[in-house]
N, C-alpha and C. Protein backbone atom coordinates (compact mmCIF):
# COMPACT_ATOMS: atom_id res chain seq x y z
N MET A 1 9.25 14.13 43.86
CA MET A 1 8.70 12.95 44.51
C MET A 1 9.00 11.73 43.65
N ARG A 2 9.12 10.60 44.33
CA ARG A 2 9.42 9.36 43.64
C ARG A 2 8.42 8.30 44.10
N TRP A 3 7.84 7.59 43.14
CA TRP A 3 6.87 6.53 43.43
C TRP A 3 7.49 5.18 43.13
N GLN A 4 7.09 4.20 43.94
CA GLN A 4 7.61 2.85 43.77
C GLN A 4 6.48 1.87 44.05
N PRO A 5 6.28 0.86 43.21
CA PRO A 5 5.24 -0.13 43.49
C PRO A 5 5.48 -0.79 44.86
N ALA A 6 4.40 -1.11 45.56
CA ALA A 6 4.50 -1.71 46.89
C ALA A 6 3.67 -2.99 46.96
N PRO A 7 4.15 -4.07 46.34
CA PRO A 7 3.38 -5.32 46.35
C PRO A 7 3.20 -5.89 47.76
N ASP A 8 4.16 -5.65 48.66
CA ASP A 8 4.03 -6.15 50.03
C ASP A 8 2.88 -5.44 50.75
N ILE A 9 2.73 -4.15 50.53
CA ILE A 9 1.62 -3.40 51.13
C ILE A 9 0.30 -3.88 50.52
N HIS A 10 0.30 -4.17 49.23
CA HIS A 10 -0.91 -4.66 48.57
C HIS A 10 -1.34 -6.00 49.18
N ARG A 11 -0.39 -6.90 49.41
CA ARG A 11 -0.73 -8.20 50.03
C ARG A 11 -1.33 -7.99 51.42
N ARG A 12 -0.76 -7.08 52.20
CA ARG A 12 -1.30 -6.80 53.53
C ARG A 12 -2.70 -6.21 53.44
N LEU A 13 -2.90 -5.31 52.49
CA LEU A 13 -4.20 -4.68 52.31
C LEU A 13 -5.26 -5.72 51.94
N VAL A 14 -4.90 -6.63 51.05
CA VAL A 14 -5.83 -7.69 50.64
C VAL A 14 -6.13 -8.60 51.83
N ARG A 15 -5.11 -8.95 52.61
CA ARG A 15 -5.31 -9.82 53.78
C ARG A 15 -6.25 -9.15 54.79
N ILE A 16 -6.06 -7.86 55.02
CA ILE A 16 -6.91 -7.13 55.96
C ILE A 16 -8.34 -7.07 55.44
N ALA A 17 -8.51 -6.74 54.15
CA ALA A 17 -9.85 -6.63 53.57
C ALA A 17 -10.60 -7.96 53.66
N ARG A 18 -9.92 -9.06 53.39
CA ARG A 18 -10.56 -10.38 53.47
C ARG A 18 -10.92 -10.73 54.91
N ALA A 19 -10.00 -10.46 55.84
CA ALA A 19 -10.25 -10.80 57.24
C ALA A 19 -11.42 -10.01 57.81
N LEU A 20 -11.61 -8.78 57.35
CA LEU A 20 -12.69 -7.94 57.86
C LEU A 20 -13.99 -8.11 57.08
N GLY A 21 -13.97 -8.94 56.04
CA GLY A 21 -15.18 -9.17 55.27
C GLY A 21 -15.53 -8.02 54.35
N PHE A 22 -14.53 -7.27 53.91
CA PHE A 22 -14.76 -6.17 52.97
C PHE A 22 -14.83 -6.75 51.57
N ASP A 23 -15.91 -7.47 51.29
CA ASP A 23 -16.06 -8.15 50.01
C ASP A 23 -16.22 -7.19 48.85
N HIS A 24 -16.58 -5.96 49.13
CA HIS A 24 -16.76 -4.98 48.06
C HIS A 24 -15.42 -4.49 47.50
N VAL A 25 -14.33 -4.75 48.19
CA VAL A 25 -13.01 -4.31 47.73
C VAL A 25 -12.47 -5.34 46.74
N ASP A 26 -12.26 -4.91 45.50
CA ASP A 26 -11.71 -5.78 44.45
C ASP A 26 -10.19 -5.61 44.44
N PRO A 27 -9.44 -6.61 44.91
CA PRO A 27 -7.98 -6.48 45.00
C PRO A 27 -7.31 -6.18 43.66
N GLN A 28 -7.91 -6.63 42.57
CA GLN A 28 -7.31 -6.39 41.25
C GLN A 28 -7.38 -4.92 40.85
N ARG A 29 -8.26 -4.16 41.52
CA ARG A 29 -8.43 -2.75 41.16
C ARG A 29 -8.00 -1.81 42.29
N VAL A 30 -7.22 -2.34 43.22
CA VAL A 30 -6.61 -1.51 44.26
C VAL A 30 -5.10 -1.64 44.08
N HIS A 31 -4.43 -0.53 43.95
CA HIS A 31 -2.99 -0.52 43.69
C HIS A 31 -2.30 0.21 44.83
N CYS A 32 -1.11 -0.24 45.18
CA CYS A 32 -0.38 0.36 46.30
C CYS A 32 0.98 0.86 45.82
N LEU A 33 1.34 2.04 46.30
CA LEU A 33 2.61 2.67 45.96
C LEU A 33 3.28 3.21 47.21
N ARG A 34 4.62 3.18 47.20
CA ARG A 34 5.40 3.90 48.21
C ARG A 34 5.78 5.24 47.59
N VAL A 35 5.67 6.29 48.37
CA VAL A 35 6.00 7.62 47.88
C VAL A 35 7.14 8.17 48.73
N PHE A 36 8.17 8.61 48.06
CA PHE A 36 9.32 9.21 48.74
C PHE A 36 9.39 10.68 48.36
N GLY A 37 9.62 11.53 49.34
CA GLY A 37 9.80 12.96 49.07
C GLY A 37 8.55 13.80 49.24
N SER A 38 7.45 13.22 49.66
CA SER A 38 6.23 14.01 49.87
C SER A 38 6.35 14.76 51.19
N ARG A 39 5.83 15.97 51.22
CA ARG A 39 5.84 16.75 52.46
C ARG A 39 4.46 16.78 53.11
N ALA A 40 3.59 15.89 52.70
CA ALA A 40 2.24 15.84 53.27
C ALA A 40 2.30 15.41 54.72
N ASN A 41 1.37 15.90 55.50
CA ASN A 41 1.30 15.56 56.92
C ASN A 41 0.39 14.35 57.09
N ALA A 42 0.81 13.21 56.56
CA ALA A 42 -0.01 11.99 56.61
C ALA A 42 0.92 10.79 56.53
N TYR A 43 0.40 9.63 56.93
CA TYR A 43 1.13 8.38 56.78
C TYR A 43 0.77 7.69 55.47
N ALA A 44 -0.47 7.89 55.03
CA ALA A 44 -0.94 7.25 53.80
C ALA A 44 -2.09 8.08 53.24
N ARG A 45 -2.34 7.88 51.95
CA ARG A 45 -3.47 8.53 51.29
C ARG A 45 -4.11 7.53 50.35
N ILE A 46 -5.38 7.74 50.06
CA ILE A 46 -6.06 6.91 49.08
C ILE A 46 -6.63 7.83 48.01
N TRP A 47 -6.55 7.37 46.78
CA TRP A 47 -7.05 8.12 45.63
C TRP A 47 -8.02 7.24 44.88
N GLY A 48 -9.13 7.81 44.49
CA GLY A 48 -10.10 7.11 43.66
C GLY A 48 -10.09 7.69 42.26
N LEU A 49 -10.55 6.91 41.31
CA LEU A 49 -10.65 7.38 39.93
C LEU A 49 -12.07 7.87 39.70
N PRO A 50 -12.27 9.18 39.57
CA PRO A 50 -13.62 9.72 39.42
C PRO A 50 -14.33 9.18 38.18
N GLN A 51 -15.66 9.19 38.24
CA GLN A 51 -16.45 8.62 37.15
C GLN A 51 -16.23 9.32 35.83
N ILE A 52 -15.95 10.60 35.84
CA ILE A 52 -15.72 11.31 34.58
C ILE A 52 -14.52 10.70 33.84
N PHE A 53 -13.47 10.34 34.57
CA PHE A 53 -12.30 9.71 33.96
C PHE A 53 -12.61 8.26 33.56
N GLN A 54 -13.39 7.58 34.38
CA GLN A 54 -13.77 6.20 34.05
C GLN A 54 -14.50 6.16 32.71
N ARG A 55 -15.41 7.09 32.53
CA ARG A 55 -16.19 7.10 31.27
C ARG A 55 -15.34 7.54 30.09
N ALA A 56 -14.54 8.57 30.30
CA ALA A 56 -13.71 9.08 29.20
C ALA A 56 -12.67 8.05 28.76
N LEU A 57 -12.09 7.34 29.72
CA LEU A 57 -11.04 6.37 29.41
C LEU A 57 -11.58 4.96 29.19
N ARG A 58 -12.88 4.78 29.45
CA ARG A 58 -13.54 3.48 29.32
C ARG A 58 -12.85 2.42 30.19
N VAL A 59 -12.68 2.77 31.46
CA VAL A 59 -12.11 1.83 32.44
C VAL A 59 -13.04 1.77 33.64
N ARG A 60 -12.90 0.71 34.40
CA ARG A 60 -13.68 0.57 35.63
C ARG A 60 -12.99 1.35 36.76
N ALA A 61 -13.67 1.44 37.88
CA ALA A 61 -13.13 2.18 39.03
C ALA A 61 -11.87 1.50 39.55
N HIS A 62 -10.91 2.32 39.94
CA HIS A 62 -9.67 1.85 40.55
C HIS A 62 -9.35 2.76 41.72
N TYR A 63 -8.58 2.23 42.65
CA TYR A 63 -8.12 3.01 43.80
C TYR A 63 -6.61 2.84 43.92
N VAL A 64 -5.95 3.88 44.40
CA VAL A 64 -4.52 3.83 44.66
C VAL A 64 -4.31 4.23 46.11
N VAL A 65 -3.62 3.36 46.85
CA VAL A 65 -3.24 3.67 48.23
C VAL A 65 -1.75 3.96 48.19
N GLU A 66 -1.39 5.15 48.61
CA GLU A 66 0.03 5.48 48.67
C GLU A 66 0.44 5.61 50.12
N VAL A 67 1.55 4.95 50.46
CA VAL A 67 2.10 5.07 51.81
C VAL A 67 3.29 6.01 51.70
N LEU A 68 3.34 6.98 52.59
CA LEU A 68 4.34 8.04 52.51
C LEU A 68 5.55 7.66 53.35
N MET A 69 6.66 7.50 52.67
CA MET A 69 7.90 7.12 53.33
C MET A 69 8.71 8.38 53.62
N PRO A 70 9.48 8.43 54.67
CA PRO A 70 9.80 7.36 55.59
C PRO A 70 8.85 7.27 56.79
N ASP A 71 7.87 8.18 56.89
CA ASP A 71 7.00 8.22 58.07
C ASP A 71 6.24 6.91 58.27
N PHE A 72 5.64 6.37 57.21
CA PHE A 72 4.90 5.11 57.33
C PHE A 72 5.83 3.98 57.77
N GLY A 73 7.04 3.97 57.25
CA GLY A 73 8.00 2.92 57.58
C GLY A 73 8.45 2.95 59.03
N ARG A 74 8.36 4.10 59.67
CA ARG A 74 8.76 4.22 61.08
C ARG A 74 7.71 3.67 62.04
N LEU A 75 6.49 3.50 61.55
CA LEU A 75 5.42 3.00 62.42
C LEU A 75 5.63 1.52 62.72
N SER A 76 5.09 1.09 63.85
CA SER A 76 5.11 -0.35 64.16
C SER A 76 4.18 -1.07 63.19
N ARG A 77 4.32 -2.37 63.12
CA ARG A 77 3.47 -3.17 62.22
C ARG A 77 1.99 -2.97 62.57
N ALA A 78 1.67 -2.93 63.86
CA ALA A 78 0.28 -2.74 64.29
C ALA A 78 -0.24 -1.37 63.85
N GLN A 79 0.57 -0.34 64.01
CA GLN A 79 0.14 1.00 63.60
C GLN A 79 -0.02 1.08 62.08
N GLN A 80 0.85 0.41 61.35
CA GLN A 80 0.71 0.38 59.89
C GLN A 80 -0.59 -0.30 59.49
N ASP A 81 -0.93 -1.41 60.16
CA ASP A 81 -2.18 -2.09 59.86
C ASP A 81 -3.38 -1.19 60.14
N ARG A 82 -3.32 -0.43 61.22
CA ARG A 82 -4.41 0.50 61.53
C ARG A 82 -4.54 1.58 60.46
N VAL A 83 -3.42 2.07 59.96
CA VAL A 83 -3.45 3.07 58.89
C VAL A 83 -4.08 2.46 57.63
N LEU A 84 -3.72 1.22 57.31
CA LEU A 84 -4.29 0.57 56.13
C LEU A 84 -5.79 0.34 56.29
N ILE A 85 -6.22 -0.03 57.50
CA ILE A 85 -7.65 -0.19 57.77
C ILE A 85 -8.35 1.15 57.55
N HIS A 86 -7.74 2.21 58.06
CA HIS A 86 -8.32 3.55 57.90
C HIS A 86 -8.51 3.87 56.42
N GLU A 87 -7.51 3.58 55.61
CA GLU A 87 -7.61 3.88 54.18
C GLU A 87 -8.67 3.01 53.51
N LEU A 88 -8.78 1.74 53.90
CA LEU A 88 -9.81 0.87 53.33
C LEU A 88 -11.21 1.38 53.65
N LEU A 89 -11.38 2.00 54.80
CA LEU A 89 -12.70 2.52 55.18
C LEU A 89 -13.16 3.65 54.27
N HIS A 90 -12.24 4.26 53.54
CA HIS A 90 -12.63 5.33 52.61
C HIS A 90 -13.25 4.78 51.33
N ILE A 91 -13.11 3.48 51.07
CA ILE A 91 -13.68 2.89 49.86
C ILE A 91 -15.15 2.57 50.11
N PRO A 92 -16.06 3.15 49.33
CA PRO A 92 -17.49 2.88 49.56
C PRO A 92 -17.86 1.47 49.11
N ARG A 93 -18.99 0.99 49.62
CA ARG A 93 -19.45 -0.35 49.26
C ARG A 93 -19.75 -0.49 47.78
N THR A 94 -20.03 0.61 47.12
CA THR A 94 -20.32 0.57 45.68
C THR A 94 -19.06 0.43 44.84
N PHE A 95 -17.90 0.64 45.42
CA PHE A 95 -16.62 0.58 44.72
C PHE A 95 -16.70 1.38 43.43
N SER A 96 -17.19 2.60 43.54
CA SER A 96 -17.51 3.42 42.38
C SER A 96 -16.37 4.33 41.92
N GLY A 97 -15.30 4.38 42.67
CA GLY A 97 -14.23 5.31 42.36
C GLY A 97 -14.27 6.54 43.25
N GLY A 98 -15.38 6.72 43.95
CA GLY A 98 -15.50 7.82 44.90
C GLY A 98 -14.86 7.46 46.23
N LEU A 99 -14.87 8.40 47.14
CA LEU A 99 -14.30 8.18 48.47
C LEU A 99 -15.31 8.56 49.54
N ARG A 100 -15.33 7.78 50.61
CA ARG A 100 -16.15 8.13 51.77
C ARG A 100 -15.40 9.19 52.58
N PRO A 101 -16.11 10.20 53.06
CA PRO A 101 -15.44 11.22 53.87
C PRO A 101 -15.15 10.70 55.28
N GLU A 102 -14.31 11.44 55.99
CA GLU A 102 -13.99 11.07 57.38
C GLU A 102 -15.24 11.02 58.24
N ARG A 103 -16.10 12.01 58.08
CA ARG A 103 -17.31 12.08 58.89
C ARG A 103 -18.51 12.35 57.99
N ALA A 104 -19.51 11.52 58.15
CA ALA A 104 -20.77 11.68 57.42
C ALA A 104 -21.89 11.43 58.43
N PRO A 105 -23.11 11.82 58.12
CA PRO A 105 -24.19 11.64 59.10
C PRO A 105 -24.38 10.20 59.58
N ARG A 106 -24.19 9.22 58.72
CA ARG A 106 -24.43 7.83 59.12
C ARG A 106 -23.15 7.01 59.25
N PHE A 107 -22.00 7.63 59.08
CA PHE A 107 -20.75 6.89 59.10
C PHE A 107 -19.62 7.84 59.47
N ALA A 108 -18.72 7.39 60.32
CA ALA A 108 -17.56 8.20 60.67
C ALA A 108 -16.35 7.29 60.80
N ILE A 109 -15.25 7.72 60.23
CA ILE A 109 -13.99 7.00 60.38
C ILE A 109 -13.28 7.63 61.57
N THR A 110 -13.35 6.97 62.70
CA THR A 110 -12.77 7.49 63.93
C THR A 110 -11.72 6.52 64.45
N HIS A 111 -10.97 6.98 65.44
CA HIS A 111 -9.98 6.11 66.09
C HIS A 111 -10.68 4.89 66.69
N HIS A 112 -11.87 5.11 67.25
CA HIS A 112 -12.62 4.02 67.87
C HIS A 112 -13.00 2.97 66.82
N THR A 113 -13.48 3.41 65.67
CA THR A 113 -13.88 2.50 64.60
C THR A 113 -12.67 1.70 64.11
N VAL A 114 -11.56 2.38 63.88
CA VAL A 114 -10.36 1.71 63.40
C VAL A 114 -9.85 0.71 64.44
N SER A 115 -9.86 1.09 65.72
CA SER A 115 -9.41 0.18 66.78
C SER A 115 -10.28 -1.06 66.87
N ARG A 116 -11.59 -0.87 66.75
CA ARG A 116 -12.51 -2.01 66.80
C ARG A 116 -12.26 -2.95 65.64
N LEU A 117 -12.08 -2.41 64.45
CA LEU A 117 -11.82 -3.25 63.28
C LEU A 117 -10.44 -3.90 63.36
N TYR A 118 -9.47 -3.23 63.96
CA TYR A 118 -8.15 -3.83 64.13
C TYR A 118 -8.23 -5.04 65.06
N ARG A 119 -8.97 -4.91 66.15
CA ARG A 119 -9.16 -6.06 67.05
C ARG A 119 -9.86 -7.20 66.32
N GLN A 120 -10.85 -6.86 65.51
CA GLN A 120 -11.57 -7.87 64.72
C GLN A 120 -10.60 -8.54 63.73
N TYR A 121 -9.71 -7.76 63.13
CA TYR A 121 -8.72 -8.31 62.21
C TYR A 121 -7.79 -9.27 62.94
N LEU A 122 -7.33 -8.90 64.13
CA LEU A 122 -6.44 -9.78 64.89
C LEU A 122 -7.14 -11.09 65.24
N THR A 123 -8.41 -11.01 65.62
CA THR A 123 -9.18 -12.21 65.93
C THR A 123 -9.29 -13.11 64.71
N ALA A 124 -9.58 -12.52 63.56
CA ALA A 124 -9.70 -13.29 62.33
C ALA A 124 -8.35 -13.87 61.91
N ALA A 125 -7.27 -13.12 62.13
CA ALA A 125 -5.94 -13.59 61.76
C ALA A 125 -5.52 -14.78 62.62
N ARG A 126 -5.92 -14.78 63.88
CA ARG A 126 -5.60 -15.91 64.75
C ARG A 126 -6.36 -17.16 64.34
N GLY A 127 -7.56 -16.98 63.81
CA GLY A 127 -8.40 -18.12 63.43
C GLY A 127 -8.33 -18.43 61.95
N ARG A 128 -7.16 -18.24 61.33
CA ARG A 128 -7.03 -18.44 59.89
C ARG A 128 -7.26 -19.86 59.44
N SER A 129 -7.30 -20.79 60.35
CA SER A 129 -7.48 -22.19 59.95
C SER A 129 -8.83 -22.40 59.28
N GLY A 130 -9.75 -21.45 59.47
CA GLY A 130 -11.06 -21.54 58.82
C GLY A 130 -12.09 -22.26 59.66
N VAL A 131 -11.71 -22.77 60.82
CA VAL A 131 -12.64 -23.48 61.68
C VAL A 131 -13.58 -22.48 62.34
N GLY A 132 -14.87 -22.70 62.18
CA GLY A 132 -15.86 -21.86 62.84
C GLY A 132 -16.07 -20.52 62.18
N ARG A 133 -15.55 -20.32 60.98
CA ARG A 133 -15.74 -19.04 60.31
C ARG A 133 -16.82 -19.17 59.26
N SER A 134 -17.62 -18.14 59.13
CA SER A 134 -18.68 -18.16 58.13
C SER A 134 -18.11 -17.75 56.78
N SER A 135 -18.90 -17.90 55.75
CA SER A 135 -18.45 -17.51 54.42
C SER A 135 -18.30 -16.00 54.32
N ALA A 136 -18.96 -15.25 55.19
CA ALA A 136 -18.83 -13.80 55.16
C ALA A 136 -17.48 -13.36 55.69
N GLY A 137 -16.83 -14.19 56.53
CA GLY A 137 -15.49 -13.90 56.98
C GLY A 137 -15.39 -13.00 58.18
N HIS A 138 -16.47 -12.69 58.86
CA HIS A 138 -16.34 -11.85 60.04
C HIS A 138 -17.35 -12.24 61.11
N ASN A 139 -16.84 -12.74 62.19
CA ASN A 139 -17.61 -13.02 63.40
C ASN A 139 -18.87 -13.85 63.18
N GLY A 140 -18.95 -14.60 62.11
CA GLY A 140 -20.09 -15.47 61.90
C GLY A 140 -21.41 -14.76 61.71
N ALA A 141 -21.39 -13.49 61.37
CA ALA A 141 -22.64 -12.75 61.24
C ALA A 141 -23.41 -13.14 59.99
N GLY A 142 -22.74 -13.72 59.00
CA GLY A 142 -23.42 -14.19 57.81
C GLY A 142 -23.80 -13.10 56.82
N ARG A 143 -23.41 -11.86 57.08
CA ARG A 143 -23.70 -10.79 56.13
C ARG A 143 -22.53 -10.68 55.16
N SER A 144 -22.84 -10.28 53.95
CA SER A 144 -21.75 -10.01 53.03
C SER A 144 -21.48 -8.51 53.06
N GLY A 145 -20.29 -8.15 52.62
CA GLY A 145 -19.93 -6.74 52.61
C GLY A 145 -19.31 -6.32 53.92
N ALA A 146 -19.02 -5.04 54.03
CA ALA A 146 -18.38 -4.51 55.22
C ALA A 146 -19.36 -4.44 56.37
N PRO A 147 -18.84 -4.53 57.60
CA PRO A 147 -19.73 -4.39 58.74
C PRO A 147 -20.37 -3.01 58.75
N ARG A 148 -21.58 -2.95 59.22
CA ARG A 148 -22.28 -1.67 59.27
C ARG A 148 -21.72 -0.85 60.41
N LEU A 149 -21.27 0.33 60.10
CA LEU A 149 -20.64 1.19 61.09
C LEU A 149 -21.48 2.42 61.32
N ARG A 150 -21.71 2.70 62.58
CA ARG A 150 -22.46 3.90 62.93
C ARG A 150 -21.77 4.60 64.07
N ARG A 151 -21.87 5.89 64.06
CA ARG A 151 -21.35 6.66 65.17
C ARG A 151 -22.30 6.50 66.34
N PRO A 152 -21.78 6.28 67.56
CA PRO A 152 -22.68 6.17 68.71
C PRO A 152 -23.40 7.48 68.96
N PRO A 153 -24.63 7.43 69.46
CA PRO A 153 -25.37 8.67 69.70
C PRO A 153 -24.66 9.52 70.74
N GLN A 154 -24.70 10.83 70.52
CA GLN A 154 -24.06 11.73 71.45
C GLN A 154 -24.98 11.98 72.64
N ARG A 155 -24.38 12.03 73.81
CA ARG A 155 -25.15 12.29 75.02
C ARG A 155 -25.27 13.78 75.21
N ARG A 156 -26.45 14.20 75.58
CA ARG A 156 -26.67 15.62 75.85
C ARG A 156 -26.84 15.81 77.34
N ALA A 157 -26.31 16.91 77.84
CA ALA A 157 -26.45 17.22 79.26
C ALA A 157 -27.89 17.63 79.55
N ALA A 158 -28.38 17.22 80.69
CA ALA A 158 -29.74 17.60 81.10
C ALA A 158 -29.78 19.09 81.38
N ALA A 159 -30.96 19.68 81.26
CA ALA A 159 -31.11 21.12 81.50
C ALA A 159 -30.67 21.45 82.91
N GLY A 160 -29.90 22.51 83.04
CA GLY A 160 -29.45 22.94 84.36
C GLY A 160 -28.22 22.21 84.85
N ARG A 161 -27.71 21.26 84.06
CA ARG A 161 -26.52 20.52 84.46
C ARG A 161 -25.41 20.77 83.44
N GLY A 162 -24.29 20.19 83.68
CA GLY A 162 -23.19 20.34 82.75
C GLY A 162 -22.48 21.66 82.97
N ARG A 163 -22.01 22.22 81.91
CA ARG A 163 -21.18 23.41 82.01
C ARG A 163 -21.95 24.68 81.73
N GLY A 164 -23.22 24.58 81.49
CA GLY A 164 -24.02 25.77 81.27
C GLY A 164 -23.74 26.40 79.93
N SER A 165 -24.09 27.66 79.81
CA SER A 165 -23.96 28.35 78.53
C SER A 165 -22.57 28.95 78.35
N ALA A 166 -21.70 28.75 79.31
CA ALA A 166 -20.36 29.34 79.20
C ALA A 166 -19.52 28.62 78.16
N GLY A 167 -19.97 27.47 77.68
CA GLY A 167 -19.24 26.76 76.64
C GLY A 167 -18.19 25.85 77.21
N ARG A 168 -17.30 25.41 76.34
CA ARG A 168 -16.29 24.43 76.72
C ARG A 168 -15.40 24.97 77.82
N GLY A 169 -15.34 24.22 78.90
CA GLY A 169 -14.42 24.55 79.98
C GLY A 169 -14.97 25.48 81.02
N ALA A 170 -15.72 26.45 80.63
CA ALA A 170 -16.30 27.44 81.55
C ALA A 170 -15.26 27.96 82.52
N GLY A 171 -14.03 28.15 82.05
CA GLY A 171 -13.00 28.73 82.90
C GLY A 171 -12.30 27.75 83.80
N ARG A 172 -12.62 26.47 83.73
CA ARG A 172 -12.01 25.49 84.62
C ARG A 172 -10.95 24.64 83.93
N GLY A 173 -10.77 24.81 82.67
CA GLY A 173 -9.83 23.94 81.96
C GLY A 173 -10.60 22.87 81.22
N PRO A 174 -9.92 22.07 80.45
CA PRO A 174 -10.60 21.08 79.61
C PRO A 174 -11.14 19.90 80.41
N GLY A 175 -12.38 19.99 80.79
CA GLY A 175 -13.05 18.86 81.42
C GLY A 175 -12.65 18.57 82.84
N VAL A 176 -12.09 19.51 83.55
CA VAL A 176 -11.68 19.28 84.93
C VAL A 176 -12.72 19.87 85.84
N ARG A 177 -13.36 19.03 86.62
CA ARG A 177 -14.37 19.52 87.55
C ARG A 177 -13.72 19.91 88.86
N GLY A 178 -14.16 21.03 89.37
CA GLY A 178 -13.68 21.47 90.68
C GLY A 178 -12.19 21.71 90.73
N ALA A 179 -11.64 22.32 89.69
CA ALA A 179 -10.20 22.54 89.64
C ALA A 179 -9.77 23.72 90.51
N GLY A 180 -10.70 24.29 91.26
CA GLY A 180 -10.34 25.38 92.15
C GLY A 180 -10.61 26.75 91.57
N LEU A 181 -10.86 26.83 90.28
CA LEU A 181 -11.15 28.12 89.66
C LEU A 181 -12.65 28.33 89.67
N ARG A 182 -13.07 29.50 90.10
CA ARG A 182 -14.50 29.78 90.16
C ARG A 182 -14.84 30.80 89.10
N THR A 183 -16.00 30.64 88.52
CA THR A 183 -16.45 31.56 87.49
C THR A 183 -17.70 32.26 87.97
N ALA A 184 -18.14 33.24 87.20
CA ALA A 184 -19.35 33.98 87.55
C ALA A 184 -20.55 33.06 87.61
N SER A 185 -20.61 32.05 86.77
CA SER A 185 -21.77 31.15 86.77
C SER A 185 -21.79 30.27 88.02
N ASP A 186 -20.63 30.07 88.68
CA ASP A 186 -20.59 29.26 89.90
C ASP A 186 -21.13 30.01 91.11
N ARG A 187 -21.20 31.33 91.05
CA ARG A 187 -21.60 32.12 92.20
C ARG A 187 -23.10 32.22 92.35
N ARG A 188 -23.87 31.73 91.41
CA ARG A 188 -25.33 31.84 91.48
C ARG A 188 -25.90 31.16 92.67
């Protein structure tokens, strides 16, 4: 594998973090690299410096975002920005060197979350003149730090409705109602 500094990716990452109001992200301690020759099934990865190394080496927390070439390079600019937003979401508000998981009880990094933040980024990028923007940098909410993200509550089917105890699909296929296939539970 071969690593190469990616100052252009770093500039984009900083621009995205500022536009989204991710004030907890310290650009001086986030580093970006292009990686050639990796066989990982990903477009990008983020690495944090664990506290044990921070204490042993007497350094503060740092993060490294690596974009995996050529796969990342084949993406459109919009898709690349979404990937960078996804990686930024792994940085906790404490900027401690740890990483936020994809799914946690009070936070989830989902396609929906990334899409919402990408739209917010585009809105902020269009209004770069600074007119009507708060010091927090996102939608005039006046809060500092990253927007609070929560997974929407899951809807539960009412008793006696839905697909019953047969589980996903109940023999009809993935979410297709009345597909013509009848199961034993339909004959009741």
